[in-house]
């Protein structure tokens, strides 16, 4: 589907609302080349979360707009997202992690006042173990969320704010305004210093 050169007002307003969002300092937004075969109009954003100078989570959010609408979308606009973050080893086998990951998204949409319908997606916990020439590599675990939903209004600022909040949660960032305590190794009861 070739992109049109005449930008409809609804898409222009939706795009302007996305571009107006300023995320928290740990999050970087970067425009990507959007897919053009999924809808006549599209815009894509890469979301990168940095924690302790390392990339802790990465995602893409794509806005699709088709003035003719889609029955499956239940509207003319669709937001499609993919997010991934490395997991702490002790979290990788948590059977509730998928439900928690999904709640990060739904809670963020609710908190941002982002009205939507037709929400669907998957949460995947993936563990990779090296073999052969990669046998010495560490076992790594990742959390992946793939999702799409239909916004009910052209103002998408709340939706992008919710997306950023999801990635911040995946990266393990504290809520805005909360300072994380420095990481200290746990002291076992038997290791406690004896009184002088």
N, C-alpha and C. Protein backbone atom coordinates (compact mmCIF):
# COMPACT_ATOMS: atom_id res chain seq x y z
N UNK A 1 0.85 -1.17 0.00
CA UNK A 1 0.00 0.00 0.00
C UNK A 1 0.90 1.23 0.00
N UNK A 2 0.87 2.02 -1.07
CA UNK A 2 1.74 3.18 -1.18
C UNK A 2 1.26 4.30 -0.28
N UNK A 3 2.19 5.00 0.40
CA UNK A 3 1.78 6.09 1.27
C UNK A 3 1.20 7.25 0.47
N UNK A 4 0.17 7.88 1.02
CA UNK A 4 -0.45 9.03 0.37
C UNK A 4 0.35 10.27 0.70
N UNK A 5 0.26 11.30 -0.18
CA UNK A 5 0.98 12.54 0.07
C UNK A 5 0.11 13.57 0.78
N UNK A 6 -1.22 13.39 0.77
CA UNK A 6 -2.13 14.30 1.45
C UNK A 6 -2.40 13.75 2.83
N UNK A 7 -1.97 14.48 3.87
CA UNK A 7 -2.08 13.99 5.24
C UNK A 7 -3.42 14.41 5.82
N UNK A 8 -4.27 13.45 6.19
CA UNK A 8 -5.56 13.79 6.79
C UNK A 8 -5.38 14.50 8.13
N UNK A 9 -6.35 15.34 8.47
CA UNK A 9 -6.27 16.12 9.70
C UNK A 9 -6.19 15.22 10.94
N UNK A 10 -6.93 14.13 10.96
CA UNK A 10 -6.91 13.24 12.13
C UNK A 10 -5.52 12.68 12.36
N UNK A 11 -4.86 12.23 11.29
CA UNK A 11 -3.51 11.70 11.42
C UNK A 11 -2.53 12.80 11.82
N UNK A 12 -2.69 13.98 11.25
CA UNK A 12 -1.80 15.09 11.58
C UNK A 12 -1.91 15.45 13.06
N UNK A 13 -3.14 15.48 13.59
CA UNK A 13 -3.33 15.80 15.01
C UNK A 13 -2.76 14.70 15.89
N UNK A 14 -2.95 13.44 15.50
CA UNK A 14 -2.41 12.32 16.26
C UNK A 14 -0.89 12.37 16.30
N UNK A 15 -0.29 12.67 15.15
CA UNK A 15 1.16 12.74 15.06
C UNK A 15 1.70 13.90 15.90
N UNK A 16 1.03 15.05 15.83
CA UNK A 16 1.47 16.21 16.62
C UNK A 16 1.42 15.90 18.11
N UNK A 17 0.40 15.16 18.55
CA UNK A 17 0.30 14.83 19.98
C UNK A 17 1.42 13.88 20.41
N UNK A 18 1.84 12.99 19.53
CA UNK A 18 2.97 12.11 19.84
C UNK A 18 4.27 12.91 19.94
N UNK A 19 4.49 13.81 18.99
CA UNK A 19 5.72 14.58 18.95
C UNK A 19 5.84 15.55 20.11
N UNK A 20 4.71 15.87 20.76
CA UNK A 20 4.73 16.82 21.88
C UNK A 20 5.13 16.16 23.20
N UNK A 21 5.21 14.84 23.25
CA UNK A 21 5.51 14.14 24.50
C UNK A 21 6.99 14.27 24.85
N UNK A 22 7.26 14.66 26.09
CA UNK A 22 8.62 14.69 26.61
C UNK A 22 8.73 13.62 27.69
N UNK A 23 9.48 12.55 27.44
CA UNK A 23 9.57 11.46 28.42
C UNK A 23 10.50 11.82 29.57
N UNK A 24 10.53 10.96 30.60
CA UNK A 24 11.45 11.16 31.71
C UNK A 24 12.89 11.06 31.22
N UNK A 25 13.86 11.59 31.95
CA UNK A 25 15.24 11.71 31.43
C UNK A 25 15.89 10.39 31.02
N UNK A 26 15.49 9.28 31.62
CA UNK A 26 16.13 8.00 31.29
C UNK A 26 15.64 7.41 29.98
N UNK A 27 14.63 8.04 29.37
CA UNK A 27 14.00 7.49 28.16
C UNK A 27 14.29 8.39 26.96
N UNK A 28 14.73 7.77 25.88
CA UNK A 28 15.00 8.49 24.63
C UNK A 28 14.00 8.04 23.57
N UNK A 29 13.41 9.01 22.88
CA UNK A 29 12.50 8.73 21.77
C UNK A 29 13.21 9.11 20.47
N UNK A 30 13.09 8.22 19.49
CA UNK A 30 13.78 8.44 18.21
C UNK A 30 12.86 7.99 17.08
N UNK A 31 12.68 8.82 16.09
CA UNK A 31 11.81 8.48 14.97
C UNK A 31 12.45 7.39 14.13
N UNK A 32 11.63 6.41 13.71
CA UNK A 32 12.08 5.31 12.86
C UNK A 32 11.33 5.37 11.53
N UNK A 33 11.87 4.70 10.53
CA UNK A 33 11.14 4.56 9.27
C UNK A 33 9.94 3.65 9.52
N UNK A 34 8.73 4.13 9.26
CA UNK A 34 7.54 3.32 9.55
C UNK A 34 7.26 2.31 8.44
N UNK A 35 6.51 1.28 8.76
CA UNK A 35 6.07 0.34 7.71
C UNK A 35 5.00 1.02 6.86
N UNK A 36 5.03 0.81 5.55
CA UNK A 36 4.06 1.46 4.67
C UNK A 36 3.05 0.48 4.07
N UNK A 37 3.21 -0.80 4.35
CA UNK A 37 2.29 -1.77 3.76
C UNK A 37 1.11 -2.09 4.66
N UNK A 38 1.14 -1.63 5.91
CA UNK A 38 0.08 -1.97 6.86
C UNK A 38 -1.07 -0.99 6.85
N UNK A 39 -0.79 0.26 6.44
CA UNK A 39 -1.82 1.30 6.43
C UNK A 39 -1.34 2.43 5.53
N UNK A 40 -2.26 3.25 5.01
CA UNK A 40 -1.85 4.36 4.13
C UNK A 40 -0.96 5.38 4.84
N UNK A 41 -1.13 5.53 6.17
CA UNK A 41 -0.35 6.50 6.93
C UNK A 41 0.23 5.81 8.16
N UNK A 42 1.49 6.08 8.43
CA UNK A 42 2.13 5.43 9.57
C UNK A 42 3.26 6.30 10.12
N UNK A 43 3.54 6.10 11.39
CA UNK A 43 4.64 6.78 12.06
C UNK A 43 5.20 5.81 13.09
N UNK A 44 6.52 5.76 13.23
CA UNK A 44 7.14 4.82 14.17
C UNK A 44 8.14 5.53 15.07
N UNK A 45 8.18 5.09 16.33
CA UNK A 45 9.07 5.66 17.33
C UNK A 45 9.82 4.54 18.02
N UNK A 46 11.13 4.73 18.18
CA UNK A 46 11.92 3.80 18.99
C UNK A 46 12.03 4.39 20.39
N UNK A 47 11.85 3.55 21.39
CA UNK A 47 11.93 3.96 22.79
C UNK A 47 13.07 3.20 23.44
N UNK A 48 14.04 3.93 23.98
CA UNK A 48 15.19 3.31 24.64
C UNK A 48 15.25 3.80 26.08
N UNK A 49 15.39 2.85 27.02
CA UNK A 49 15.49 3.19 28.43
C UNK A 49 16.90 2.88 28.91
N UNK A 50 17.53 3.86 29.56
CA UNK A 50 18.89 3.70 30.08
C UNK A 50 18.83 3.68 31.60
N UNK A 51 19.52 2.71 32.18
CA UNK A 51 19.62 2.62 33.64
C UNK A 51 21.09 2.38 33.97
N UNK A 52 21.65 3.22 34.84
CA UNK A 52 23.06 3.11 35.22
C UNK A 52 23.96 3.09 33.99
N UNK A 53 23.67 3.96 33.03
CA UNK A 53 24.46 4.12 31.79
C UNK A 53 24.41 2.92 30.86
N UNK A 54 23.51 1.97 31.11
CA UNK A 54 23.34 0.82 30.23
C UNK A 54 21.93 0.82 29.65
N UNK A 55 21.79 0.31 28.41
CA UNK A 55 20.47 0.17 27.83
C UNK A 55 19.74 -0.96 28.54
N UNK A 56 18.64 -0.64 29.21
CA UNK A 56 17.93 -1.62 30.03
C UNK A 56 16.65 -2.13 29.37
N UNK A 57 16.09 -1.37 28.44
CA UNK A 57 14.88 -1.80 27.73
C UNK A 57 14.82 -1.06 26.41
N UNK A 58 14.17 -1.70 25.45
CA UNK A 58 14.10 -1.14 24.10
C UNK A 58 12.73 -1.47 23.52
N UNK A 59 12.17 -0.54 22.79
CA UNK A 59 10.86 -0.81 22.20
C UNK A 59 10.60 0.00 20.95
N UNK A 60 9.55 -0.41 20.25
CA UNK A 60 9.08 0.32 19.07
C UNK A 60 7.57 0.47 19.20
N UNK A 61 7.09 1.68 18.91
CA UNK A 61 5.65 1.92 18.89
C UNK A 61 5.31 2.50 17.53
N UNK A 62 4.36 1.87 16.85
CA UNK A 62 3.98 2.28 15.49
C UNK A 62 2.53 2.74 15.49
N UNK A 63 2.30 3.91 14.94
CA UNK A 63 0.95 4.42 14.73
C UNK A 63 0.55 4.12 13.29
N UNK A 64 -0.58 3.44 13.14
CA UNK A 64 -1.15 3.16 11.82
C UNK A 64 -2.46 3.92 11.69
N UNK A 65 -2.70 4.49 10.50
CA UNK A 65 -3.95 5.20 10.27
C UNK A 65 -4.48 4.86 8.89
N UNK A 66 -5.73 4.41 8.86
CA UNK A 66 -6.40 4.11 7.61
C UNK A 66 -7.77 4.78 7.65
N UNK A 67 -7.98 5.84 6.86
CA UNK A 67 -9.26 6.55 6.91
C UNK A 67 -10.46 5.64 6.66
N UNK A 68 -10.26 4.53 5.94
CA UNK A 68 -11.36 3.61 5.66
C UNK A 68 -11.67 2.73 6.88
N UNK A 69 -10.76 2.68 7.82
CA UNK A 69 -10.98 1.86 9.00
C UNK A 69 -10.75 0.39 8.74
N UNK A 70 -10.66 -0.37 9.83
CA UNK A 70 -10.50 -1.82 9.76
C UNK A 70 -11.44 -2.44 10.78
N UNK A 71 -12.12 -3.49 10.36
CA UNK A 71 -13.04 -4.16 11.27
C UNK A 71 -12.31 -4.71 12.50
N UNK A 72 -11.13 -5.30 12.28
CA UNK A 72 -10.37 -5.87 13.40
C UNK A 72 -9.88 -4.78 14.35
N UNK A 73 -9.59 -3.60 13.81
CA UNK A 73 -9.12 -2.50 14.66
C UNK A 73 -10.26 -1.89 15.47
N UNK A 74 -11.47 -1.98 14.94
CA UNK A 74 -12.63 -1.29 15.51
C UNK A 74 -12.42 0.23 15.50
N UNK A 75 -11.80 0.70 14.44
CA UNK A 75 -11.54 2.13 14.30
C UNK A 75 -10.64 2.40 13.12
N UNK A 76 -10.15 3.63 13.03
CA UNK A 76 -9.30 4.02 11.90
C UNK A 76 -7.82 4.08 12.29
N UNK A 77 -7.52 4.08 13.60
CA UNK A 77 -6.13 4.14 14.06
C UNK A 77 -5.80 2.88 14.85
N UNK A 78 -4.52 2.52 14.81
CA UNK A 78 -4.05 1.37 15.58
C UNK A 78 -2.64 1.67 16.06
N UNK A 79 -2.36 1.36 17.31
CA UNK A 79 -1.02 1.45 17.86
C UNK A 79 -0.49 0.03 18.02
N UNK A 80 0.71 -0.20 17.52
CA UNK A 80 1.33 -1.52 17.56
C UNK A 80 2.68 -1.38 18.24
N UNK A 81 2.91 -2.17 19.29
CA UNK A 81 4.15 -2.02 20.04
C UNK A 81 4.88 -3.32 20.26
N UNK A 82 6.19 -3.20 20.36
CA UNK A 82 7.07 -4.31 20.72
C UNK A 82 8.09 -3.78 21.71
N UNK A 83 8.23 -4.46 22.85
CA UNK A 83 9.18 -4.03 23.87
C UNK A 83 9.93 -5.24 24.41
N UNK A 84 11.20 -5.03 24.74
CA UNK A 84 12.01 -6.12 25.29
C UNK A 84 12.96 -5.57 26.34
N UNK A 85 13.23 -6.39 27.34
CA UNK A 85 14.17 -6.02 28.40
C UNK A 85 14.80 -7.28 28.95
N UNK A 86 16.06 -7.16 29.37
CA UNK A 86 16.75 -8.28 30.02
C UNK A 86 16.16 -8.49 31.41
N UNK A 87 16.06 -9.74 31.81
CA UNK A 87 15.51 -10.08 33.12
C UNK A 87 16.62 -10.44 34.10
N UNK A 88 16.39 -10.12 35.34
CA UNK A 88 17.26 -10.64 36.39
C UNK A 88 17.08 -12.15 36.44
N UNK A 89 18.14 -12.92 36.63
CA UNK A 89 18.03 -14.38 36.60
C UNK A 89 16.98 -14.94 37.56
N UNK A 90 16.83 -14.32 38.73
CA UNK A 90 15.87 -14.86 39.69
C UNK A 90 14.42 -14.61 39.29
N UNK A 91 14.19 -13.70 38.33
CA UNK A 91 12.82 -13.43 37.87
C UNK A 91 12.41 -14.28 36.68
N UNK A 92 13.37 -14.86 35.99
CA UNK A 92 13.08 -15.51 34.71
C UNK A 92 12.10 -16.66 34.83
N UNK A 93 12.06 -17.34 35.96
CA UNK A 93 11.15 -18.47 36.09
C UNK A 93 9.88 -18.16 36.84
N UNK A 94 9.64 -16.90 37.16
CA UNK A 94 8.46 -16.51 37.93
C UNK A 94 7.20 -16.75 37.11
N UNK A 95 6.29 -17.63 37.57
CA UNK A 95 5.10 -17.95 36.78
C UNK A 95 4.12 -16.78 36.67
N UNK A 96 4.25 -15.77 37.53
CA UNK A 96 3.34 -14.63 37.47
C UNK A 96 3.89 -13.46 36.65
N UNK A 97 5.11 -13.62 36.14
CA UNK A 97 5.75 -12.50 35.45
C UNK A 97 4.96 -12.04 34.23
N UNK A 98 4.40 -12.95 33.47
CA UNK A 98 3.63 -12.56 32.28
C UNK A 98 2.43 -11.70 32.67
N UNK A 99 1.71 -12.11 33.71
CA UNK A 99 0.56 -11.34 34.16
C UNK A 99 0.99 -9.97 34.68
N UNK A 100 2.10 -9.94 35.40
CA UNK A 100 2.60 -8.67 35.92
C UNK A 100 3.00 -7.76 34.76
N UNK A 101 3.70 -8.30 33.77
CA UNK A 101 4.10 -7.51 32.61
C UNK A 101 2.90 -6.92 31.88
N UNK A 102 1.85 -7.72 31.73
CA UNK A 102 0.63 -7.22 31.07
C UNK A 102 -0.02 -6.13 31.91
N UNK A 103 -0.02 -6.29 33.23
CA UNK A 103 -0.63 -5.28 34.10
C UNK A 103 0.16 -3.97 34.06
N UNK A 104 1.47 -4.04 33.82
CA UNK A 104 2.24 -2.80 33.69
C UNK A 104 1.67 -1.96 32.56
N UNK A 105 1.30 -2.61 31.46
CA UNK A 105 0.74 -1.87 30.32
C UNK A 105 -0.66 -1.36 30.63
N UNK A 106 -1.55 -2.22 31.09
CA UNK A 106 -2.94 -1.79 31.32
C UNK A 106 -3.02 -0.74 32.42
N UNK A 107 -2.21 -0.89 33.46
CA UNK A 107 -2.19 0.11 34.53
C UNK A 107 -1.66 1.45 34.01
N UNK A 108 -0.64 1.40 33.16
CA UNK A 108 -0.07 2.64 32.61
C UNK A 108 -1.07 3.35 31.71
N UNK A 109 -1.80 2.60 30.88
CA UNK A 109 -2.82 3.21 30.02
C UNK A 109 -3.90 3.86 30.87
N UNK A 110 -4.31 3.17 31.92
CA UNK A 110 -5.34 3.71 32.81
C UNK A 110 -4.85 4.97 33.51
N UNK A 111 -3.62 4.93 34.04
CA UNK A 111 -3.07 6.09 34.77
C UNK A 111 -2.91 7.30 33.86
N UNK A 112 -2.63 7.06 32.58
CA UNK A 112 -2.44 8.17 31.63
C UNK A 112 -3.76 8.67 31.05
N UNK A 113 -4.87 8.02 31.41
CA UNK A 113 -6.17 8.42 30.86
C UNK A 113 -6.28 8.16 29.38
N UNK A 114 -5.59 7.12 28.90
CA UNK A 114 -5.56 6.80 27.47
C UNK A 114 -6.71 5.86 27.13
N UNK A 115 -7.77 6.39 26.55
CA UNK A 115 -8.94 5.58 26.20
C UNK A 115 -8.63 4.71 24.99
N UNK A 116 -9.04 3.44 25.06
CA UNK A 116 -8.71 2.51 23.97
C UNK A 116 -9.75 1.40 23.90
N UNK A 117 -9.66 0.62 22.82
CA UNK A 117 -10.46 -0.59 22.67
C UNK A 117 -9.62 -1.61 21.90
N UNK A 118 -10.13 -2.83 21.82
CA UNK A 118 -9.52 -3.92 21.04
C UNK A 118 -8.05 -4.13 21.41
N UNK A 119 -7.75 -4.17 22.71
CA UNK A 119 -6.40 -4.41 23.18
C UNK A 119 -6.08 -5.89 23.11
N UNK A 120 -4.93 -6.23 22.54
CA UNK A 120 -4.51 -7.63 22.49
C UNK A 120 -3.01 -7.72 22.40
N UNK A 121 -2.46 -8.82 22.89
CA UNK A 121 -1.02 -8.97 22.80
C UNK A 121 -0.51 -10.20 23.49
N UNK A 122 0.80 -10.33 23.54
CA UNK A 122 1.45 -11.47 24.19
C UNK A 122 2.58 -10.98 25.07
N UNK A 123 2.85 -11.75 26.12
CA UNK A 123 4.01 -11.51 26.99
C UNK A 123 4.83 -12.79 26.96
N UNK A 124 6.09 -12.70 26.61
CA UNK A 124 6.95 -13.87 26.45
C UNK A 124 8.17 -13.77 27.34
N UNK A 125 8.44 -14.84 28.08
CA UNK A 125 9.67 -14.96 28.84
C UNK A 125 10.58 -15.90 28.06
N UNK A 126 11.73 -15.41 27.63
CA UNK A 126 12.64 -16.22 26.82
C UNK A 126 13.98 -16.38 27.53
N UNK A 127 14.47 -17.62 27.59
CA UNK A 127 15.78 -17.90 28.18
C UNK A 127 16.67 -18.51 27.12
N UNK A 128 17.89 -17.99 27.00
CA UNK A 128 18.84 -18.47 26.00
C UNK A 128 20.06 -19.09 26.69
N UNK A 129 20.40 -20.28 26.24
CA UNK A 129 21.57 -20.99 26.77
C UNK A 129 22.51 -21.29 25.61
N UNK A 130 23.79 -20.94 25.78
CA UNK A 130 24.76 -21.17 24.71
C UNK A 130 25.27 -22.60 24.68
N UNK A 131 25.54 -23.10 23.47
CA UNK A 131 26.10 -24.43 23.26
C UNK A 131 27.21 -24.34 22.22
N UNK A 132 28.02 -25.39 22.13
CA UNK A 132 29.10 -25.42 21.15
C UNK A 132 30.10 -24.30 21.42
N UNK A 133 30.39 -23.51 20.39
CA UNK A 133 31.35 -22.43 20.57
C UNK A 133 30.82 -21.32 21.47
N UNK A 134 29.53 -21.32 21.75
CA UNK A 134 28.93 -20.33 22.63
C UNK A 134 28.63 -20.90 24.01
N UNK A 135 29.18 -22.07 24.31
CA UNK A 135 28.88 -22.74 25.58
C UNK A 135 29.32 -21.92 26.79
N UNK A 136 30.34 -21.10 26.63
CA UNK A 136 30.83 -20.30 27.76
C UNK A 136 29.97 -19.08 28.02
N UNK A 137 29.06 -18.78 27.09
CA UNK A 137 28.20 -17.60 27.26
C UNK A 137 27.26 -17.79 28.44
N UNK A 138 26.96 -16.71 29.09
CA UNK A 138 26.03 -16.77 30.22
C UNK A 138 24.63 -17.09 29.73
N UNK A 139 23.84 -17.72 30.60
CA UNK A 139 22.43 -17.91 30.32
C UNK A 139 21.76 -16.54 30.45
N UNK A 140 21.01 -16.15 29.43
CA UNK A 140 20.34 -14.85 29.46
C UNK A 140 18.83 -15.05 29.39
N UNK A 141 18.11 -14.16 30.03
CA UNK A 141 16.65 -14.20 30.03
C UNK A 141 16.11 -12.83 29.63
N UNK A 142 15.05 -12.84 28.85
CA UNK A 142 14.44 -11.61 28.38
C UNK A 142 12.93 -11.66 28.55
N UNK A 143 12.35 -10.49 28.70
CA UNK A 143 10.91 -10.33 28.72
C UNK A 143 10.53 -9.56 27.46
N UNK A 144 9.59 -10.10 26.69
CA UNK A 144 9.13 -9.44 25.46
C UNK A 144 7.63 -9.22 25.54
N UNK A 145 7.20 -8.04 25.16
CA UNK A 145 5.77 -7.73 25.10
C UNK A 145 5.45 -7.24 23.70
N UNK A 146 4.49 -7.91 23.07
CA UNK A 146 3.98 -7.51 21.76
C UNK A 146 2.50 -7.18 21.95
N UNK A 147 2.09 -6.02 21.48
CA UNK A 147 0.74 -5.57 21.79
C UNK A 147 0.22 -4.63 20.71
N UNK A 148 -1.08 -4.57 20.60
CA UNK A 148 -1.69 -3.55 19.74
C UNK A 148 -3.04 -3.16 20.33
N UNK A 149 -3.43 -1.92 20.09
CA UNK A 149 -4.71 -1.44 20.59
C UNK A 149 -5.17 -0.26 19.75
N UNK A 150 -6.46 0.05 19.85
CA UNK A 150 -7.06 1.13 19.08
C UNK A 150 -7.37 2.30 19.99
N UNK A 151 -6.71 3.45 19.78
CA UNK A 151 -7.02 4.63 20.59
C UNK A 151 -8.39 5.18 20.18
N UNK A 152 -9.10 5.73 21.15
CA UNK A 152 -10.44 6.24 20.87
C UNK A 152 -10.47 7.73 20.57
N UNK A 153 -9.33 8.40 20.75
CA UNK A 153 -9.24 9.83 20.44
C UNK A 153 -7.96 10.10 19.66
N UNK A 154 -7.92 11.22 18.96
CA UNK A 154 -6.74 11.55 18.15
C UNK A 154 -5.57 12.03 19.00
N UNK A 155 -5.84 12.48 20.23
CA UNK A 155 -4.74 12.90 21.11
C UNK A 155 -4.09 11.64 21.68
N UNK A 156 -2.88 11.33 21.21
CA UNK A 156 -2.20 10.10 21.60
C UNK A 156 -1.12 10.32 22.64
N UNK A 157 -1.06 11.51 23.22
CA UNK A 157 0.00 11.79 24.19
C UNK A 157 -0.04 10.83 25.37
N UNK A 158 -1.23 10.55 25.89
CA UNK A 158 -1.35 9.62 27.01
C UNK A 158 -0.92 8.21 26.64
N UNK A 159 -1.15 7.82 25.40
CA UNK A 159 -0.76 6.49 24.95
C UNK A 159 0.76 6.35 24.91
N UNK A 160 1.44 7.38 24.40
CA UNK A 160 2.90 7.33 24.37
C UNK A 160 3.48 7.42 25.78
N UNK A 161 2.86 8.23 26.64
CA UNK A 161 3.30 8.28 28.04
C UNK A 161 3.16 6.91 28.70
N UNK A 162 2.05 6.23 28.42
CA UNK A 162 1.83 4.89 28.98
C UNK A 162 2.86 3.90 28.43
N UNK A 163 3.18 4.02 27.15
CA UNK A 163 4.18 3.15 26.54
C UNK A 163 5.54 3.35 27.22
N UNK A 164 5.90 4.61 27.46
CA UNK A 164 7.16 4.90 28.15
C UNK A 164 7.14 4.34 29.57
N UNK A 165 6.00 4.44 30.24
CA UNK A 165 5.89 3.90 31.60
C UNK A 165 6.05 2.39 31.60
N UNK A 166 5.50 1.72 30.58
CA UNK A 166 5.67 0.27 30.46
C UNK A 166 7.15 -0.08 30.35
N UNK A 167 7.87 0.61 29.47
CA UNK A 167 9.29 0.30 29.30
C UNK A 167 10.10 0.63 30.54
N UNK A 168 9.72 1.69 31.24
CA UNK A 168 10.40 2.02 32.49
C UNK A 168 10.21 0.91 33.51
N UNK A 169 9.00 0.35 33.59
CA UNK A 169 8.74 -0.77 34.50
C UNK A 169 9.55 -1.99 34.10
N UNK A 170 9.60 -2.28 32.80
CA UNK A 170 10.37 -3.42 32.32
C UNK A 170 11.86 -3.26 32.63
N UNK A 171 12.33 -2.00 32.61
CA UNK A 171 13.75 -1.73 32.87
C UNK A 171 14.06 -1.69 34.36
N UNK A 172 13.02 -1.73 35.19
CA UNK A 172 13.24 -1.71 36.63
C UNK A 172 13.48 -0.32 37.20
N UNK A 173 13.03 0.72 36.48
CA UNK A 173 13.19 2.08 37.00
C UNK A 173 12.14 2.34 38.08
N UNK A 174 12.49 3.09 39.10
CA UNK A 174 11.49 3.47 40.10
C UNK A 174 10.51 4.46 39.49
N UNK A 175 9.32 4.61 40.07
CA UNK A 175 8.37 5.61 39.56
C UNK A 175 8.99 7.00 39.61
N UNK A 176 8.54 7.92 38.74
CA UNK A 176 9.08 9.28 38.75
C UNK A 176 8.94 9.90 40.14
N UNK A 177 9.99 10.59 40.58
CA UNK A 177 9.96 11.23 41.89
C UNK A 177 10.41 10.34 43.03
N UNK A 178 10.64 9.06 42.73
CA UNK A 178 11.11 8.12 43.76
C UNK A 178 12.57 7.81 43.48
N UNK A 179 13.40 7.91 44.50
CA UNK A 179 14.82 7.62 44.35
C UNK A 179 15.08 6.17 44.73
N UNK A 180 15.74 5.45 43.84
CA UNK A 180 16.05 4.05 44.12
C UNK A 180 17.16 3.98 45.16
N UNK A 181 17.03 3.04 46.08
CA UNK A 181 18.08 2.81 47.06
C UNK A 181 19.26 2.14 46.38
N UNK A 182 20.48 2.46 46.80
CA UNK A 182 21.63 1.78 46.20
C UNK A 182 21.59 0.30 46.51
N UNK A 183 22.06 -0.48 45.54
CA UNK A 183 22.06 -1.94 45.70
C UNK A 183 23.14 -2.34 46.70
N UNK A 184 22.73 -3.09 47.74
CA UNK A 184 23.69 -3.61 48.70
C UNK A 184 23.47 -5.11 48.81
N UNK A 185 24.55 -5.88 48.89
CA UNK A 185 24.39 -7.32 49.03
C UNK A 185 23.68 -7.64 50.34
N UNK A 186 22.84 -8.65 50.30
CA UNK A 186 22.15 -9.07 51.52
C UNK A 186 23.13 -9.68 52.50
N UNK A 187 22.88 -9.44 53.77
CA UNK A 187 23.70 -10.03 54.83
C UNK A 187 22.93 -11.18 55.44
N UNK A 188 23.52 -12.36 55.44
CA UNK A 188 22.86 -13.49 56.06
C UNK A 188 22.91 -13.33 57.57
N UNK A 189 21.92 -13.88 58.24
CA UNK A 189 21.84 -13.73 59.69
C UNK A 189 23.12 -14.22 60.37
N UNK A 190 23.70 -15.28 59.87
CA UNK A 190 24.92 -15.82 60.47
C UNK A 190 26.15 -14.97 60.21
N UNK A 191 26.02 -14.05 59.23
CA UNK A 191 27.17 -13.19 58.89
C UNK A 191 27.15 -11.87 59.63
N UNK A 192 26.11 -11.62 60.44
CA UNK A 192 26.00 -10.34 61.12
C UNK A 192 27.16 -10.17 62.10
N UNK A 193 27.72 -8.98 62.16
CA UNK A 193 28.86 -8.78 63.07
C UNK A 193 28.43 -8.97 64.52
N UNK A 194 29.31 -9.58 65.29
CA UNK A 194 28.99 -9.80 66.69
C UNK A 194 29.21 -8.52 67.47
N UNK A 195 28.38 -8.27 68.51
CA UNK A 195 28.56 -7.05 69.27
C UNK A 195 29.88 -7.04 69.98
N UNK A 196 30.48 -5.85 70.11
CA UNK A 196 31.80 -5.73 70.73
C UNK A 196 31.69 -5.88 72.25
